[in-house]
């Protein structure tokens, strides 16, 4: 079963968007059992609606407590995934679905990390893939996508145009492995919640760098499922972090308005530079239901956060450091146990740390 994140319409068969309002869907009401077995993402096969077929041993990422800090702050480092970002969790599930259905080709629009992930998993599945990218992608990410043998298609304009191009590919019978438009992608990401639960129980709050809103939606979904099964008795407060110059989710949550599309902007946090967040409404719903909220950070704060994480032995790309950048601006909560999502490796965009103008 699939449910629209905005109007609630339910569908019995897989689809990308709601036919009534055009919004994205979540997979719901399928059989689940809490029976972890094995290692990595597929340790939680009993909680997933897709059978494992394609895996590069994603998941099982470290949860590191900050040293020299009286506060209980933990770093969930997703840069340890095969292609260096949290996207690999979703890619393993959606490419498994594509493989199970007999697809030979995949496509996706990406600002870098998603493209690299889908390219890697498609290559391992012996599928061809076309990756549509907007302008301004760090060359390191372009090189990584190219290394996996994907067909890279630069698209003039922004991310929305790249998405449009990838959707046109589906009309040719090509599988859409989108992080925002394929509901199975969220299912892969929610395993982060399961891992955190096994590593430390349910934290008080989880701070999430937010672009499309999918990661925050997924982590909340995972914790809600644990509570619904009686495995846990609470969910953490979900906190979204966006760039100060492109924060449609945080601004809509703060102002209690509809999502608004920002104008032409730039930020070093290219991985969360998403003007039209597909999972924006579901992310805001997750924030509200968990008592969470939104925070924005500047490029200068991101650079300082990258350096602070370096002192913890973790190298993060700019967007991945957004949770650390937001830490000083979180609402006071004595004795809270806080998890900061560090979503991608600094090797994705290494030169930014050398900038002197921020």
Protein backbone atom coordinates (compact mmCIF):
# COMPACT_ATOMS: atom_id res chain seq x y z
CA UNK A 1 0.00 0.00 0.00
CA UNK A 2 1.20 3.52 -0.81
CA UNK A 3 -0.15 6.69 0.80
CA UNK A 4 0.09 10.29 -0.43
CA UNK A 5 2.09 12.46 1.94
CA UNK A 6 -0.27 15.42 1.46
CA UNK A 7 -3.86 14.36 0.73
CA UNK A 8 -3.68 10.84 2.19
CA UNK A 9 -5.00 9.03 -0.88
CA UNK A 10 -3.98 5.37 -0.85
CA UNK A 11 -2.94 3.17 -3.76
CA UNK A 12 -2.58 -0.59 -3.84
CA UNK A 13 0.01 -0.57 -6.64
CA UNK A 14 3.42 1.10 -6.89
CA UNK A 15 3.50 4.57 -8.41
CA UNK A 16 5.68 7.68 -8.17
CA UNK A 17 3.17 10.42 -7.37
CA UNK A 18 -0.43 10.91 -6.29
CA UNK A 19 -2.85 11.17 -9.22
CA UNK A 20 -5.05 13.57 -7.22
CA UNK A 21 -2.57 16.18 -5.96
CA UNK A 22 0.76 15.25 -7.55
CA UNK A 23 2.58 14.77 -4.24
CA UNK A 24 4.95 11.92 -3.38
CA UNK A 25 3.99 8.68 -1.65
CA UNK A 26 5.17 6.57 1.27
CA UNK A 27 5.02 2.78 1.48
CA UNK A 28 2.66 1.82 4.33
CA UNK A 29 0.68 -1.09 5.79
CA UNK A 30 2.86 -3.97 4.67
CA UNK A 31 3.81 -6.88 6.98
CA UNK A 32 6.67 -6.01 9.37
CA UNK A 33 8.37 -7.92 12.17
CA UNK A 34 11.25 -6.81 14.38
CA UNK A 35 13.60 -9.73 13.72
CA UNK A 36 17.07 -8.27 13.04
CA UNK A 37 19.42 -10.82 11.54
CA UNK A 38 22.82 -10.42 9.94
CA UNK A 39 24.68 -7.15 9.45
CA UNK A 40 24.24 -3.87 7.61
CA UNK A 41 21.08 -2.52 6.04
CA UNK A 42 19.61 -5.91 5.19
CA UNK A 43 19.82 -6.95 8.83
CA UNK A 44 16.36 -5.36 8.85
CA UNK A 45 14.88 -7.32 5.92
CA UNK A 46 11.84 -8.19 8.05
CA UNK A 47 11.02 -4.45 8.21
CA UNK A 48 11.35 -3.81 4.45
CA UNK A 49 8.89 -4.31 1.55
CA UNK A 50 11.59 -5.28 -0.99
CA UNK A 51 13.58 -8.52 -1.20
CA UNK A 52 17.35 -8.17 -1.11
CA UNK A 53 19.05 -8.64 -4.47
CA UNK A 54 21.67 -5.89 -4.85
CA UNK A 55 23.91 -4.90 -1.95
CA UNK A 56 27.40 -3.46 -1.52
CA UNK A 57 27.38 -4.03 2.27
CA UNK A 58 25.86 -0.63 3.01
CA UNK A 59 24.67 0.33 6.47
CA UNK A 60 26.22 -0.59 9.80
CA UNK A 61 27.78 2.88 10.05
CA UNK A 62 29.48 4.05 13.25
CA UNK A 63 27.84 6.06 16.01
CA UNK A 64 30.62 8.02 17.73
CA UNK A 65 30.21 9.98 20.93
CA UNK A 66 31.86 13.42 20.87
CA UNK A 67 34.93 13.46 23.03
CA UNK A 68 35.77 16.24 25.52
CA UNK A 69 32.10 17.17 25.86
CA UNK A 70 29.92 16.87 28.92
CA UNK A 71 26.83 16.75 26.73
CA UNK A 72 25.79 13.43 25.22
CA UNK A 73 26.23 14.22 21.54
CA UNK A 74 26.66 11.37 19.07
CA UNK A 75 27.80 11.50 15.44
CA UNK A 76 26.14 9.05 13.03
CA UNK A 77 28.68 8.97 10.22
CA UNK A 78 27.08 7.92 6.94
CA UNK A 79 30.24 8.71 5.00
CA UNK A 80 31.31 5.14 5.74
CA UNK A 81 28.82 3.78 3.21
CA UNK A 82 30.22 2.31 -0.05
CA UNK A 83 29.98 5.47 -2.16
CA UNK A 84 30.48 7.84 0.76
CA UNK A 85 26.96 8.98 1.62
CA UNK A 86 23.66 7.92 3.21
CA UNK A 87 22.15 7.58 -0.28
CA UNK A 88 23.51 4.04 -0.55
CA UNK A 89 20.86 2.77 1.84
CA UNK A 90 18.06 3.87 -0.46
CA UNK A 91 19.91 2.81 -3.60
CA UNK A 92 20.34 -0.75 -2.35
CA UNK A 93 16.57 -1.05 -1.87
CA UNK A 94 15.42 0.66 -5.10
CA UNK A 95 17.98 -1.09 -7.31
CA UNK A 96 17.01 -4.38 -5.69
CA UNK A 97 13.42 -3.60 -6.67
CA UNK A 98 14.48 -2.74 -10.22
CA UNK A 99 16.50 -5.97 -10.45
CA UNK A 100 13.65 -8.05 -9.06
CA UNK A 101 11.33 -6.64 -11.70
CA UNK A 102 13.75 -7.34 -14.53
CA UNK A 103 14.70 -3.78 -15.47
CA UNK A 104 17.90 -3.30 -17.45
CA UNK A 105 18.30 0.48 -17.14
CA UNK A 106 17.90 3.11 -14.43
CA UNK A 107 17.82 6.90 -14.30
CA UNK A 108 17.92 9.66 -11.71
CA UNK A 109 18.44 13.40 -11.32
CA UNK A 110 21.16 14.32 -8.87
CA UNK A 111 23.31 17.05 -7.37
CA UNK A 112 26.08 14.46 -7.01
CA UNK A 113 25.70 11.98 -4.17
CA UNK A 114 22.54 10.32 -5.45
CA UNK A 115 24.00 10.00 -8.92
CA UNK A 116 27.14 8.34 -7.63
CA UNK A 117 25.12 5.95 -5.50
CA UNK A 118 22.68 4.91 -8.21
CA UNK A 119 25.54 4.58 -10.71
CA UNK A 120 27.47 2.26 -8.39
CA UNK A 121 24.54 0.03 -7.53
CA UNK A 122 23.33 -0.09 -11.13
CA UNK A 123 26.82 -1.09 -12.25
CA UNK A 124 26.89 -3.90 -9.68
CA UNK A 125 23.48 -5.04 -10.94
CA UNK A 126 24.73 -4.99 -14.57
CA UNK A 127 22.28 -2.23 -15.46
CA UNK A 128 22.99 0.85 -17.54
CA UNK A 129 22.11 4.22 -16.03
CA UNK A 130 21.65 7.84 -17.10
CA UNK A 131 22.35 10.52 -14.50
CA UNK A 132 20.97 14.03 -15.10
CA UNK A 133 22.88 16.75 -13.23
CA UNK A 134 22.38 20.52 -12.99
CA UNK A 135 25.19 23.05 -13.26
CA UNK A 136 27.66 23.66 -10.45
CA UNK A 137 28.27 20.09 -9.24
CA UNK A 138 31.69 19.66 -7.55
CA UNK A 139 34.11 17.98 -9.99
CA UNK A 140 34.93 15.27 -7.45
CA UNK A 141 31.31 14.10 -7.58
CA UNK A 142 31.26 14.20 -11.37
CA UNK A 143 34.43 12.09 -11.42
CA UNK A 144 32.92 9.55 -9.06
CA UNK A 145 29.77 9.15 -11.17
CA UNK A 146 31.90 8.77 -14.28
CA UNK A 147 34.07 6.12 -12.64
CA UNK A 148 31.05 3.82 -12.25
CA UNK A 149 30.42 3.94 -15.99
CA UNK A 150 27.18 5.93 -15.90
CA UNK A 151 26.07 8.13 -18.77
CA UNK A 152 26.31 11.64 -17.36
CA UNK A 153 23.91 14.19 -18.84
CA UNK A 154 24.47 17.85 -17.82
CA UNK A 155 21.22 19.84 -17.84
CA UNK A 156 21.11 23.65 -18.21
CA UNK A 157 19.26 25.24 -15.31
CA UNK A 158 18.64 23.88 -11.85
CA UNK A 159 17.76 20.62 -10.21
CA UNK A 160 14.07 20.84 -11.15
CA UNK A 161 14.97 20.69 -14.83
CA UNK A 162 17.19 17.67 -14.21
CA UNK A 163 14.25 15.95 -12.49
CA UNK A 164 12.03 16.69 -15.48
CA UNK A 165 14.57 15.10 -17.80
CA UNK A 166 14.81 11.97 -15.66
CA UNK A 167 11.01 11.62 -15.59
CA UNK A 168 10.96 11.70 -19.38
CA UNK A 169 13.22 8.63 -19.32
CA UNK A 170 10.55 6.60 -17.50
CA UNK A 171 8.34 6.94 -20.57
CA UNK A 172 10.93 4.76 -22.34
CA UNK A 173 10.54 1.97 -19.79
CA UNK A 174 13.55 2.97 -17.67
CA UNK A 175 13.41 2.54 -13.89
CA UNK A 176 13.35 5.78 -11.88
CA UNK A 177 15.68 5.41 -8.88
CA UNK A 178 14.82 8.81 -7.43
CA UNK A 179 15.34 9.63 -3.76
CA UNK A 180 12.21 11.81 -3.77
CA UNK A 181 9.88 10.11 -6.26
CA UNK A 182 10.49 6.42 -5.52
CA UNK A 183 8.81 5.50 -2.20
CA UNK A 184 11.11 2.52 -1.71
CA UNK A 185 14.06 4.87 -1.31
CA UNK A 186 12.64 6.11 1.99
CA UNK A 187 12.41 2.49 3.11
CA UNK A 188 16.15 2.08 2.77
CA UNK A 189 16.88 5.31 4.62
CA UNK A 190 14.67 4.44 7.59
CA UNK A 191 17.13 1.69 8.58
CA UNK A 192 19.23 4.48 10.09
CA UNK A 193 16.61 4.68 12.85
CA UNK A 194 16.87 0.94 13.45
CA UNK A 195 20.65 1.12 13.73
CA UNK A 196 20.57 4.05 16.11
CA UNK A 197 18.04 2.19 18.25
CA UNK A 198 20.30 -0.86 18.48
CA UNK A 199 23.37 1.28 19.11
CA UNK A 200 21.98 3.49 21.89
CA UNK A 201 18.21 3.09 22.26
CA UNK A 202 15.95 6.01 21.32
CA UNK A 203 17.78 9.36 21.56
CA UNK A 204 16.04 12.53 22.65
CA UNK A 205 16.63 14.32 19.35
CA UNK A 206 18.06 13.68 15.90
CA UNK A 207 19.50 16.59 13.90
CA UNK A 208 19.29 16.10 10.13
CA UNK A 209 20.86 18.04 7.21
CA UNK A 210 17.81 18.53 5.00
CA UNK A 211 17.43 18.97 1.25
CA UNK A 212 14.46 17.07 -0.20
CA UNK A 213 13.20 16.24 3.30
CA UNK A 214 13.42 12.52 2.59
CA UNK A 215 16.08 11.62 5.16
CA UNK A 216 14.28 13.32 8.05
CA UNK A 217 10.98 11.76 6.95
CA UNK A 218 12.60 8.33 6.77
CA UNK A 219 14.30 8.42 10.17
CA UNK A 220 11.08 9.53 11.83
CA UNK A 221 9.18 6.79 9.97
CA UNK A 222 11.62 4.18 11.25
CA UNK A 223 11.26 5.25 14.87
CA UNK A 224 7.47 5.41 14.52
CA UNK A 225 7.44 1.85 13.21
CA UNK A 226 9.49 0.65 16.17
CA UNK A 227 6.97 2.29 18.50
CA UNK A 228 3.98 0.84 16.62
CA UNK A 229 5.42 -2.66 17.01
CA UNK A 230 5.98 -2.15 20.73
CA UNK A 231 9.77 -2.38 20.34
CA UNK A 232 10.20 1.13 21.79
CA UNK A 233 7.93 3.55 23.63
CA UNK A 234 8.88 6.92 22.12
CA UNK A 235 10.28 8.73 19.10
CA UNK A 236 13.01 11.40 19.09
CA UNK A 237 12.50 15.05 18.37
CA UNK A 238 13.29 15.57 14.67
CA UNK A 239 15.25 18.74 13.82
CA UNK A 240 15.79 19.89 10.22
CA UNK A 241 18.87 21.92 9.26
CA UNK A 242 19.02 23.85 5.99
CA UNK A 243 21.25 26.47 4.43
CA UNK A 244 20.26 30.00 5.35
CA UNK A 245 19.99 30.90 1.66
CA UNK A 246 17.79 27.96 0.59
CA UNK A 247 15.54 26.77 3.41
CA UNK A 248 12.04 26.12 2.02
CA UNK A 249 11.25 23.43 4.60
CA UNK A 250 12.47 25.34 7.64
CA UNK A 251 10.77 28.53 6.48
CA UNK A 252 7.44 26.79 5.77
CA UNK A 253 7.58 25.13 9.21
CA UNK A 254 8.48 28.42 10.92
CA UNK A 255 5.91 30.57 9.13
CA UNK A 256 3.19 27.89 8.99
CA UNK A 257 2.88 28.44 5.25
CA UNK A 258 3.05 26.42 2.07
CA UNK A 259 6.47 25.58 0.67
CA UNK A 260 7.89 28.50 -1.32
CA UNK A 261 10.52 28.17 -4.04
CA UNK A 262 13.63 30.32 -3.35
CA UNK A 263 15.19 32.48 -6.04
CA UNK A 264 18.65 32.03 -7.54
CA UNK A 265 21.06 31.37 -4.70
CA UNK A 266 24.34 29.60 -4.04
CA UNK A 267 25.86 27.79 -1.08
CA UNK A 268 28.81 25.50 -0.48
CA UNK A 269 26.29 22.93 0.78
CA UNK A 270 25.37 21.80 -2.73
CA UNK A 271 23.97 18.46 -1.52
CA UNK A 272 21.09 20.23 0.27
CA UNK A 273 20.56 23.00 -2.26
CA UNK A 274 17.05 21.81 -3.14
CA UNK A 275 14.53 24.49 -4.05
CA UNK A 276 11.58 22.12 -4.58
CA UNK A 277 11.75 19.49 -1.82
CA UNK A 278 9.64 16.48 -2.79
CA UNK A 279 9.32 15.28 0.79
CA UNK A 280 8.93 18.76 2.26
CA UNK A 281 5.40 18.29 3.61
CA UNK A 282 6.17 14.89 5.11
CA UNK A 283 9.31 16.33 6.73
CA UNK A 284 7.31 19.16 8.28
CA UNK A 285 4.73 16.64 9.46
CA UNK A 286 7.50 14.60 11.07
CA UNK A 287 8.90 17.71 12.75
CA UNK A 288 5.50 18.65 14.14
CA UNK A 289 4.52 15.17 15.28
CA UNK A 290 7.81 14.72 17.12
CA UNK A 291 7.90 18.19 18.68
CA UNK A 292 10.81 19.10 16.45
CA UNK A 293 11.74 22.29 14.62
CA UNK A 294 14.02 23.82 12.00
CA UNK A 295 17.38 25.61 12.07
CA UNK A 296 19.32 27.43 9.33
CA UNK A 297 23.10 27.78 9.06
CA UNK A 298 25.46 29.96 7.03
CA UNK A 299 28.37 28.89 4.83
CA UNK A 300 30.74 30.29 7.44
CA UNK A 301 29.17 28.09 10.10
CA UNK A 302 29.51 25.08 7.79
CA UNK A 303 33.23 25.66 7.33
CA UNK A 304 33.72 25.93 11.09
CA UNK A 305 31.68 22.76 11.59
CA UNK A 306 33.83 20.84 9.08
CA UNK A 307 36.89 21.83 11.11
CA UNK A 308 35.19 20.92 14.39
CA UNK A 309 34.29 17.48 13.03
CA UNK A 310 37.89 17.08 11.88
CA UNK A 311 38.90 17.36 15.53
CA UNK A 312 36.64 14.37 16.15
CA UNK A 313 38.40 12.37 13.44
CA UNK A 314 35.57 12.79 10.93
CA UNK A 315 35.88 14.47 7.53
CA UNK A 316 32.48 15.70 6.30
CA UNK A 317 31.37 17.46 3.15
CA UNK A 318 29.70 20.86 3.69
CA UNK A 319 26.07 19.68 3.68
CA UNK A 320 26.94 16.76 5.94
CA UNK A 321 28.38 19.16 8.52
CA UNK A 322 25.12 21.13 8.76
CA UNK A 323 24.00 19.21 11.85
CA UNK A 324 27.22 20.09 13.68
CA UNK A 325 26.90 23.70 12.52
CA UNK A 326 23.42 23.84 14.04
CA UNK A 327 24.44 22.41 17.40
CA UNK A 328 25.00 25.79 19.16
CA UNK A 329 21.58 26.99 17.96
CA UNK A 330 19.53 24.06 19.25
CA UNK A 331 16.99 24.78 21.95
CA UNK A 332 18.47 24.20 25.44
CA UNK A 333 17.76 20.71 26.75
CA UNK A 334 19.81 19.67 29.79
CA UNK A 335 20.92 16.04 29.73
CA UNK A 336 19.45 15.45 26.26
CA UNK A 337 20.99 12.68 24.17
CA UNK A 338 21.48 14.16 20.71
CA UNK A 339 22.37 12.41 17.44
CA UNK A 340 23.89 14.51 14.66
CA UNK A 341 23.49 12.98 11.22
CA UNK A 342 26.80 13.38 9.31
CA UNK A 343 25.49 12.45 5.90
CA UNK A 344 28.52 12.26 3.60
CA UNK A 345 32.29 12.05 3.37
CA UNK A 346 34.45 15.15 2.99
CA UNK A 347 36.13 13.47 0.04
CA UNK A 348 33.01 14.37 -1.93
CA UNK A 349 34.07 18.04 -1.95
CA UNK A 350 37.49 18.25 -0.27
CA UNK A 351 38.77 21.60 -1.53
CA UNK A 352 36.07 23.66 0.19
CA UNK A 353 37.82 23.34 3.54
CA UNK A 354 40.77 25.29 2.09
CA UNK A 355 38.70 28.37 1.30
CA UNK A 356 39.80 31.55 3.09
CA UNK A 357 36.83 33.73 2.14
CA UNK A 358 34.37 32.12 4.57
